[in-house]
């Protein structure tokens, strides 16, 4: 036998406490499996023994010092981009190295020593290796080179515009690591190139002439691979435009090259608030002491941090991995912002999941963890029409002023939206009986 919400109001204090304890026991059962599984999903901080050995081996291989390792420019100049170095450092099989050589003919690849140090070469499906080391599956030609039609949504040099009040300035093709799932691999080319100064001036002029633009995202490539002087100049020019309210920076250096977050860079950023930085952590293994330090420095400089994960087959397409990632991100003061359904870019088809996998992950986040740890699951609409939310169905139906809804626990409930009044019998009691029956979980005798 169950009890309505109205009847619950008449319970004694002791009865209410008993109901609360029963409810707490039910809730505890929903998280037992994750509580046990999460310890098997390691963070980068928990993998320091393997990371340390990899780092030692690379320092010896490159005849480098700790000071070199902590210098982001040294990291950039020693990026790993040939199969011989991979074989020497990680004892990869001849087959793996041959794949890297074949893929390298068609698609450029490069890995910072820091990110390479996170690879567990003893794990076949290591999420770090999958994101950084070329796979023969990249030679599958299915997909599109420009799935977001960026080349058709560029009204000025360096500018991509898909929304009414905001736009992108693309400042470089350079990255610390060329991710194997990259959405802009068509722009990577064979050499690193920052956009010419005249193109940036043209982009700024376009923004000045379009007063509805209030939000500018500086990205690339990786926007933080510009030097400090250029970053400061660009932010300063945007500050001079009165209708610009916020500035955003897209970067994965926090993940792939945390050494780039220097005191000097933070001083530059601190001069130009408000600044929002979105990065891309895709797996808990990418959360390390170094990435935490980089986040701490940015937060102390007044930067607001968000994460835009990409749903990747074999890397993070499991509810427990995504939950652990988002919870760990909050611990380093990074707010999970988006979970992107991977775009079907040429050479990345092996990373594509089904939408149902993404929805299953969202079902296991909403209600099962803090709302702060629940990103928006979005898909970029074809043709450059922007991000579209993909949501589990919680509103099941509506008739007049009564809605039928499903909770995160799959309880189906009805709720009358009208406040107490003549149509509800004119009393609060009638309203509660008609509109709130079953709104709270029913209590069984």
Protein backbone atom coordinates (compact mmCIF):
# COMPACT_ATOMS: atom_id res chain seq x y z
CA UNK A 1 0.00 0.00 0.00
CA UNK A 2 1.32 3.47 -0.91
CA UNK A 3 0.62 6.83 0.64
CA UNK A 4 -0.07 10.07 -1.23
CA UNK A 5 1.86 13.28 -0.71
CA UNK A 6 -1.13 14.80 1.14
CA UNK A 7 -1.33 11.82 3.52
CA UNK A 8 2.41 12.08 4.15
CA UNK A 9 1.84 15.54 5.60
CA UNK A 10 -0.13 13.95 8.48
CA UNK A 11 2.69 11.65 9.59
CA UNK A 12 4.28 12.15 12.98
CA UNK A 13 7.89 13.30 13.24
CA UNK A 14 9.03 9.78 14.11
CA UNK A 15 7.17 8.33 11.12
CA UNK A 16 8.74 10.92 8.81
CA UNK A 17 12.20 10.07 10.12
CA UNK A 18 11.53 6.38 9.51
CA UNK A 19 10.43 7.15 5.95
CA UNK A 20 13.57 9.26 5.40
CA UNK A 21 15.81 6.42 6.62
CA UNK A 22 14.07 3.98 4.30
CA UNK A 23 14.52 6.39 1.41
CA UNK A 24 18.20 6.88 2.23
CA UNK A 25 18.67 3.11 2.14
CA UNK A 26 17.04 2.98 -1.30
CA UNK A 27 19.31 5.75 -2.57
CA UNK A 28 22.41 4.05 -1.23
CA UNK A 29 21.64 0.93 -3.25
CA UNK A 30 21.60 2.95 -6.49
CA UNK A 31 25.26 3.93 -6.11
CA UNK A 32 26.80 0.72 -4.71
CA UNK A 33 27.99 -0.50 -8.13
CA UNK A 34 29.69 2.79 -9.02
CA UNK A 35 31.24 3.10 -5.56
CA UNK A 36 32.94 -0.25 -6.16
CA UNK A 37 33.88 0.39 -9.80
CA UNK A 38 35.30 3.90 -9.47
CA UNK A 39 38.48 2.69 -7.76
CA UNK A 40 39.39 0.67 -10.85
CA UNK A 41 39.19 3.81 -13.00
CA UNK A 42 42.53 5.47 -12.34
CA UNK A 43 43.31 9.16 -12.51
CA UNK A 44 46.62 10.45 -13.78
CA UNK A 45 47.53 11.31 -10.20
CA UNK A 46 47.11 7.63 -9.29
CA UNK A 47 49.34 6.56 -12.21
CA UNK A 48 52.43 8.48 -11.12
CA UNK A 49 54.64 5.40 -10.92
CA UNK A 50 54.21 4.63 -14.64
CA UNK A 51 54.30 8.32 -15.58
CA UNK A 52 57.49 8.83 -13.60
CA UNK A 53 59.25 5.95 -15.34
CA UNK A 54 58.17 7.24 -18.74
CA UNK A 55 59.43 10.70 -17.87
CA UNK A 56 62.81 9.39 -16.71
CA UNK A 57 63.19 7.43 -19.92
CA UNK A 58 62.39 10.48 -22.04
CA UNK A 59 64.71 12.79 -20.12
CA UNK A 60 67.52 10.31 -20.72
CA UNK A 61 66.55 9.83 -24.38
CA UNK A 62 66.52 13.58 -25.08
CA UNK A 63 69.49 14.27 -22.78
CA UNK A 64 67.31 16.79 -20.92
CA UNK A 65 66.94 18.10 -17.38
CA UNK A 66 63.97 18.69 -15.08
CA UNK A 67 64.25 22.37 -15.96
CA UNK A 68 63.90 21.49 -19.63
CA UNK A 69 60.85 19.33 -18.90
CA UNK A 70 59.11 22.22 -17.13
CA UNK A 71 59.75 24.58 -20.06
CA UNK A 72 56.80 24.54 -22.48
CA UNK A 73 59.00 25.68 -25.34
CA UNK A 74 61.28 22.68 -24.79
CA UNK A 75 58.20 20.45 -24.79
CA UNK A 76 57.06 21.95 -28.11
CA UNK A 77 60.46 21.58 -29.75
CA UNK A 78 60.69 17.93 -28.66
CA UNK A 79 57.26 16.74 -29.71
CA UNK A 80 57.29 13.10 -30.79
CA UNK A 81 56.28 12.80 -34.41
CA UNK A 82 58.05 9.75 -35.83
CA UNK A 83 57.62 6.01 -35.38
CA UNK A 84 61.29 5.39 -34.52
CA UNK A 85 61.06 7.55 -31.40
CA UNK A 86 57.84 5.79 -30.39
CA UNK A 87 59.52 2.42 -30.75
CA UNK A 88 62.59 3.53 -28.79
CA UNK A 89 60.62 5.06 -25.93
CA UNK A 90 57.66 2.70 -25.55
CA UNK A 91 58.75 -0.56 -27.12
CA UNK A 92 55.76 -0.47 -29.45
CA UNK A 93 55.40 -3.43 -31.79
CA UNK A 94 56.62 -3.21 -35.37
CA UNK A 95 52.98 -3.38 -36.45
CA UNK A 96 52.05 -0.34 -34.33
CA UNK A 97 55.04 1.61 -35.63
CA UNK A 98 54.25 0.65 -39.22
CA UNK A 99 50.70 1.96 -38.73
CA UNK A 100 52.04 5.26 -37.41
CA UNK A 101 54.33 5.59 -40.44
CA UNK A 102 51.50 4.86 -42.92
CA UNK A 103 49.06 7.23 -41.26
CA UNK A 104 51.74 9.92 -41.01
CA UNK A 105 51.94 10.06 -44.80
CA UNK A 106 48.34 11.29 -44.92
CA UNK A 107 47.73 12.89 -41.51
CA UNK A 108 50.20 14.81 -39.43
CA UNK A 109 50.69 13.64 -35.86
CA UNK A 110 52.64 14.96 -32.91
CA UNK A 111 52.68 14.29 -29.14
CA UNK A 112 54.22 16.43 -26.42
CA UNK A 113 56.67 14.51 -24.21
CA UNK A 114 54.47 15.37 -21.22
CA UNK A 115 51.34 13.80 -22.73
CA UNK A 116 53.36 10.83 -23.98
CA UNK A 117 54.52 10.24 -20.41
CA UNK A 118 50.90 9.43 -19.49
CA UNK A 119 50.79 6.43 -21.87
CA UNK A 120 50.54 3.00 -20.28
CA UNK A 121 52.21 0.91 -22.98
CA UNK A 122 51.19 -2.30 -21.20
CA UNK A 123 47.48 -1.59 -21.70
CA UNK A 124 46.18 -2.50 -25.16
CA UNK A 125 43.29 -0.03 -25.06
CA UNK A 126 45.06 2.72 -23.18
CA UNK A 127 42.89 5.87 -23.49
CA UNK A 128 45.95 8.12 -23.70
CA UNK A 129 47.51 6.15 -26.55
CA UNK A 130 44.19 5.98 -28.42
CA UNK A 131 43.95 9.78 -28.42
CA UNK A 132 47.56 10.46 -29.37
CA UNK A 133 49.15 7.63 -31.38
CA UNK A 134 48.00 7.11 -35.00
CA UNK A 135 45.89 4.05 -35.81
CA UNK A 136 45.50 2.35 -39.18
CA UNK A 137 41.74 2.96 -38.81
CA UNK A 138 42.39 6.61 -39.63
CA UNK A 139 42.84 5.64 -43.28
CA UNK A 140 39.11 4.90 -43.53
CA UNK A 141 37.87 7.63 -45.86
CA UNK A 142 34.28 7.79 -44.60
CA UNK A 143 33.10 11.05 -43.06
CA UNK A 144 33.59 14.71 -43.95
CA UNK A 145 36.60 17.01 -43.95
CA UNK A 146 34.52 19.96 -42.68
CA UNK A 147 31.39 18.56 -40.98
CA UNK A 148 30.48 21.90 -39.38
CA UNK A 149 30.77 23.78 -42.69
CA UNK A 150 33.17 26.25 -41.10
CA UNK A 151 34.39 27.33 -44.50
CA UNK A 152 30.80 28.32 -45.35
CA UNK A 153 30.28 30.23 -42.10
CA UNK A 154 33.32 32.52 -42.26
CA UNK A 155 32.19 36.08 -43.08
CA UNK A 156 35.67 37.52 -42.45
CA UNK A 157 39.26 36.25 -42.17
CA UNK A 158 39.77 33.99 -39.13
CA UNK A 159 36.07 34.30 -38.20
CA UNK A 160 33.52 31.51 -37.82
CA UNK A 161 29.99 32.66 -37.02
CA UNK A 162 27.13 30.23 -36.31
CA UNK A 163 25.11 32.14 -33.70
CA UNK A 164 23.47 35.58 -33.41
CA UNK A 165 25.58 37.15 -30.64
CA UNK A 166 28.92 35.35 -30.65
CA UNK A 167 31.68 34.13 -32.93
CA UNK A 168 35.06 32.42 -33.14
CA UNK A 169 38.44 33.91 -34.01
CA UNK A 170 40.69 31.11 -35.25
CA UNK A 171 44.24 32.27 -34.50
CA UNK A 172 46.52 29.30 -35.27
CA UNK A 173 46.73 25.73 -36.56
CA UNK A 174 49.33 24.82 -33.92
CA UNK A 175 48.72 22.35 -31.06
CA UNK A 176 50.92 20.74 -28.45
CA UNK A 177 49.45 17.42 -29.59
CA UNK A 178 47.41 16.63 -32.68
CA UNK A 179 44.55 14.61 -31.22
CA UNK A 180 43.56 11.65 -33.36
CA UNK A 181 39.89 12.68 -33.13
CA UNK A 182 40.55 16.32 -34.11
CA UNK A 183 37.59 18.09 -35.72
CA UNK A 184 39.88 20.46 -37.65
CA UNK A 185 42.51 18.06 -38.94
CA UNK A 186 42.00 19.58 -42.39
CA UNK A 187 43.75 22.72 -41.06
CA UNK A 188 46.78 21.03 -39.52
CA UNK A 189 48.87 20.95 -42.70
CA UNK A 190 52.55 20.16 -42.60
CA UNK A 191 53.85 23.17 -40.69
CA UNK A 192 52.78 25.23 -37.70
CA UNK A 193 51.32 28.57 -38.73
CA UNK A 194 49.80 31.37 -36.72
CA UNK A 195 47.28 33.53 -38.57
CA UNK A 196 48.82 36.67 -40.14
CA UNK A 197 48.45 39.89 -38.18
CA UNK A 198 46.47 41.48 -41.03
CA UNK A 199 43.90 38.67 -40.79
CA UNK A 200 43.46 39.27 -37.06
CA UNK A 201 42.98 42.98 -37.75
CA UNK A 202 40.28 42.11 -40.31
CA UNK A 203 38.54 39.87 -37.77
CA UNK A 204 38.59 42.65 -35.16
CA UNK A 205 37.17 45.11 -37.67
CA UNK A 206 34.31 42.71 -38.45
CA UNK A 207 33.52 42.52 -34.73
CA UNK A 208 33.55 46.33 -34.43
CA UNK A 209 31.10 46.63 -37.30
CA UNK A 210 28.66 44.08 -35.84
CA UNK A 211 27.45 45.47 -32.54
CA UNK A 212 25.30 42.45 -31.70
CA UNK A 213 28.46 40.41 -31.05
CA UNK A 214 28.97 40.28 -27.28
CA UNK A 215 31.01 37.07 -26.84
CA UNK A 216 34.24 36.13 -28.65
CA UNK A 217 35.93 32.72 -28.53
CA UNK A 218 39.64 32.67 -29.41
CA UNK A 219 40.63 29.21 -30.59
CA UNK A 220 42.64 27.34 -33.21
CA UNK A 221 44.50 24.95 -33.17
CA UNK A 222 45.31 25.94 -29.63
CA UNK A 223 44.96 29.62 -28.79
CA UNK A 224 47.44 29.50 -25.91
CA UNK A 225 50.26 28.58 -28.28
CA UNK A 226 50.43 32.21 -29.31
CA UNK A 227 53.09 34.01 -27.30
CA UNK A 228 52.11 36.06 -24.25
CA UNK A 229 52.58 39.37 -26.07
CA UNK A 230 50.20 38.40 -28.89
CA UNK A 231 47.59 37.04 -26.48
CA UNK A 232 47.74 40.24 -24.43
CA UNK A 233 47.42 42.40 -27.56
CA UNK A 234 44.39 40.48 -28.87
CA UNK A 235 42.60 40.53 -25.51
CA UNK A 236 43.37 44.23 -25.17
CA UNK A 237 41.89 44.99 -28.61
CA UNK A 238 38.72 43.11 -27.67
CA UNK A 239 38.53 45.06 -24.40
CA UNK A 240 38.43 48.27 -26.43
CA UNK A 241 35.27 47.15 -28.25
CA UNK A 242 32.43 48.36 -26.02
CA UNK A 243 29.87 45.75 -27.04
CA UNK A 244 32.15 42.81 -26.18
CA UNK A 245 31.07 41.53 -22.77
CA UNK A 246 33.10 38.34 -22.35
CA UNK A 247 36.12 36.68 -23.91
CA UNK A 248 36.66 32.94 -24.13
CA UNK A 249 39.78 30.93 -24.96
CA UNK A 250 39.79 27.38 -26.30
CA UNK A 251 42.86 25.38 -25.29
CA UNK A 252 43.93 21.83 -24.59
CA UNK A 253 47.33 22.85 -23.23
CA UNK A 254 46.00 22.35 -19.67
CA UNK A 255 45.68 18.66 -20.62
CA UNK A 256 48.45 18.11 -23.15
CA UNK A 257 51.02 20.76 -22.12
CA UNK A 258 50.27 22.16 -18.63
CA UNK A 259 53.76 23.70 -18.58
CA UNK A 260 52.32 26.40 -20.87
CA UNK A 261 50.38 27.85 -17.93
CA UNK A 262 53.16 30.08 -16.61
CA UNK A 263 53.10 32.93 -14.06
CA UNK A 264 53.78 35.33 -16.95
CA UNK A 265 50.78 34.07 -18.95
CA UNK A 266 48.55 34.29 -15.87
CA UNK A 267 49.59 37.93 -15.36
CA UNK A 268 48.47 38.68 -18.91
CA UNK A 269 45.13 36.93 -18.46
CA UNK A 270 44.48 38.62 -15.12
CA UNK A 271 44.56 42.04 -16.83
CA UNK A 272 41.62 41.24 -19.13
CA UNK A 273 38.59 40.00 -17.18
CA UNK A 274 36.14 38.43 -17.63
CA UNK A 275 37.89 35.48 -19.30
CA UNK A 276 36.46 31.98 -19.60
CA UNK A 277 38.71 29.11 -20.66
CA UNK A 278 37.27 25.87 -21.98
CA UNK A 279 39.58 22.89 -22.17
CA UNK A 280 39.15 19.22 -23.11
CA UNK A 281 39.72 16.50 -20.54
CA UNK A 282 38.37 13.24 -21.97
CA UNK A 283 39.47 10.72 -19.36
CA UNK A 284 40.37 10.74 -15.64
CA UNK A 285 43.89 9.63 -16.60
CA UNK A 286 44.48 13.14 -17.95
CA UNK A 287 43.97 14.66 -14.50
CA UNK A 288 47.47 14.84 -13.03
CA UNK A 289 49.33 16.95 -10.45
CA UNK A 290 50.61 19.07 -13.36
CA UNK A 291 47.17 19.71 -14.84
CA UNK A 292 45.79 20.50 -11.37
CA UNK A 293 48.59 23.02 -10.82
CA UNK A 294 47.79 24.67 -14.16
CA UNK A 295 44.11 24.94 -13.21
CA UNK A 296 44.98 26.38 -9.79
CA UNK A 297 47.12 29.07 -11.40
CA UNK A 298 44.39 30.03 -13.87
CA UNK A 299 41.68 30.17 -11.20
CA UNK A 300 43.91 32.38 -9.05
CA UNK A 301 44.28 34.67 -12.08
CA UNK A 302 40.50 35.08 -12.16
CA UNK A 303 39.84 32.72 -15.08
CA UNK A 304 36.63 30.66 -15.06
CA UNK A 305 37.30 27.10 -16.23
CA UNK A 306 35.00 24.74 -18.12
CA UNK A 307 35.43 21.38 -19.81
CA UNK A 308 34.23 20.26 -23.23
CA UNK A 309 34.70 16.51 -23.36
CA UNK A 310 34.25 14.55 -26.58
CA UNK A 311 32.45 11.21 -26.42
CA UNK A 312 34.97 8.76 -27.88
CA UNK A 313 34.52 5.05 -28.48
CA UNK A 314 37.02 3.05 -26.46
CA UNK A 315 38.12 6.09 -24.46
CA UNK A 316 35.21 7.30 -22.35
CA UNK A 317 31.93 5.85 -23.69
CA UNK A 318 30.99 4.29 -20.36
CA UNK A 319 28.84 5.88 -17.63
CA UNK A 320 31.28 5.16 -14.78
CA UNK A 321 34.25 6.65 -16.66
CA UNK A 322 32.34 9.81 -17.49
CA UNK A 323 31.03 10.16 -13.95
CA UNK A 324 34.52 9.72 -12.49
CA UNK A 325 35.92 12.25 -14.98
CA UNK A 326 33.34 14.90 -14.12
CA UNK A 327 33.67 14.40 -10.38
CA UNK A 328 37.46 14.65 -10.60
CA UNK A 329 37.17 17.81 -12.72
CA UNK A 330 35.14 19.52 -10.01
CA UNK A 331 37.91 18.71 -7.53
CA UNK A 332 40.35 20.76 -9.64
CA UNK A 333 37.77 23.55 -10.13
CA UNK A 334 36.84 22.79 -13.72
CA UNK A 335 33.09 22.79 -14.46
CA UNK A 336 31.89 20.08 -16.88
CA UNK A 337 30.25 22.18 -19.61
CA UNK A 338 29.66 20.11 -22.75
CA UNK A 339 29.81 16.46 -23.71
CA UNK A 340 30.16 16.55 -27.49
CA UNK A 341 28.92 13.74 -29.67
CA UNK A 342 31.98 13.18 -31.88
CA UNK A 343 31.77 14.69 -35.35
CA UNK A 344 32.26 12.27 -38.23
CA UNK A 345 35.45 13.85 -39.52
CA UNK A 346 37.40 11.89 -42.13
CA UNK A 347 39.82 9.54 -40.41
CA UNK A 348 37.97 9.52 -37.07
CA UNK A 349 35.12 7.07 -37.73
CA UNK A 350 36.53 4.51 -35.29
CA UNK A 351 35.83 6.95 -32.44
CA UNK A 352 32.14 7.47 -33.28
CA UNK A 353 29.62 6.12 -30.78
CA UNK A 354 25.86 5.82 -31.10
CA UNK A 355 23.63 8.55 -29.72
CA UNK A 356 22.05 5.88 -27.50
CA UNK A 357 25.42 5.43 -25.76
CA UNK A 358 25.54 9.14 -25.02
CA UNK A 359 21.98 9.14 -23.71
CA UNK A 360 22.74 6.13 -21.49
CA UNK A 361 25.64 8.08 -19.98
CA UNK A 362 23.42 11.09 -19.33
CA UNK A 363 20.82 8.83 -17.67
CA UNK A 364 23.51 7.69 -15.24
CA UNK A 365 24.65 11.23 -14.45
CA UNK A 366 21.41 13.17 -13.86
CA UNK A 367 20.35 12.51 -10.28
CA UNK A 368 23.18 10.05 -9.63
CA UNK A 369 25.75 12.81 -9.10
CA UNK A 370 25.88 16.55 -8.44
CA UNK A 371 24.21 18.75 -11.02
CA UNK A 372 27.56 20.54 -11.29
CA UNK A 373 29.01 17.27 -12.62
CA UNK A 374 26.41 16.94 -15.39
CA UNK A 375 27.45 18.53 -18.72
CA UNK A 376 25.05 19.23 -21.57
CA UNK A 377 25.18 16.44 -24.18
CA UNK A 378 25.21 18.16 -27.57
CA UNK A 379 25.57 17.33 -31.24
CA UNK A 380 26.73 19.82 -33.85
CA UNK A 381 24.03 20.09 -36.49
CA UNK A 382 25.23 19.46 -40.07
CA UNK A 383 25.78 22.48 -42.26
CA UNK A 384 27.09 24.76 -39.51
CA UNK A 385 23.75 25.17 -37.73
CA UNK A 386 25.25 24.91 -34.27
CA UNK A 387 25.08 22.84 -31.13
CA UNK A 388 21.84 20.97 -30.51
CA UNK A 389 21.09 19.46 -27.08
CA UNK A 390 20.39 15.71 -27.05
CA UNK A 391 18.41 14.91 -23.89
CA UNK A 392 16.78 11.89 -22.31
CA UNK A 393 13.00 12.24 -22.39
CA UNK A 394 11.74 13.36 -18.99
CA UNK A 395 8.53 15.12 -20.02
CA UNK A 396 6.28 12.26 -21.15
CA UNK A 397 3.10 14.13 -21.89
CA UNK A 398 0.80 17.00 -21.06
CA UNK A 399 -2.98 17.33 -20.87
CA UNK A 400 -4.46 20.71 -20.00
CA UNK A 401 -2.59 21.77 -16.88
CA UNK A 402 -1.34 18.33 -15.85
CA UNK A 403 2.09 17.13 -16.95
CA UNK A 404 3.31 13.55 -16.92
CA UNK A 405 6.99 13.21 -16.17
CA UNK A 406 9.71 10.66 -15.55
CA UNK A 407 12.25 11.14 -12.76
CA UNK A 408 15.91 10.18 -12.83
CA UNK A 409 14.90 6.88 -11.11
CA UNK A 410 12.33 6.14 -13.85
CA UNK A 411 9.37 6.92 -11.59
CA UNK A 412 6.47 8.14 -13.72
CA UNK A 413 4.50 10.90 -11.98
CA UNK A 414 1.79 13.44 -12.69
CA UNK A 415 1.85 17.02 -11.51
CA UNK A 416 -0.90 19.65 -11.79
CA UNK A 417 0.58 22.98 -12.77
CA UNK A 418 -2.36 25.22 -11.74
CA UNK A 419 -2.14 26.87 -8.30
CA UNK A 420 -5.00 26.48 -5.78
CA UNK A 421 -8.18 28.11 -7.05
CA UNK A 422 -11.72 27.49 -8.20
CA UNK A 423 -10.77 24.89 -10.80
CA UNK A 424 -8.99 22.90 -8.11
CA UNK A 425 -11.86 23.05 -5.67
CA UNK A 426 -10.72 26.28 -4.06
CA UNK A 427 -8.58 24.78 -1.31
CA UNK A 428 -4.94 23.90 -0.76
CA UNK A 429 -5.94 20.42 0.40
CA UNK A 430 -7.80 19.67 -2.84
CA UNK A 431 -4.87 21.05 -4.85
CA UNK A 432 -2.44 18.78 -3.06
CA UNK A 433 -4.64 15.75 -3.58
CA UNK A 434 -5.27 16.48 -7.25
CA UNK A 435 -1.93 17.89 -8.23
CA UNK A 436 0.73 16.40 -5.97
CA UNK A 437 -0.36 12.77 -5.58
CA UNK A 438 2.74 10.69 -6.14
CA UNK A 439 4.96 13.76 -6.75
CA UNK A 440 7.22 12.60 -3.96
CA UNK A 441 8.20 8.92 -3.90
CA UNK A 442 5.34 6.92 -2.46
CA UNK A 443 5.80 5.40 0.99
CA UNK A 444 4.74 1.78 1.23
CA UNK A 445 3.52 0.24 4.45
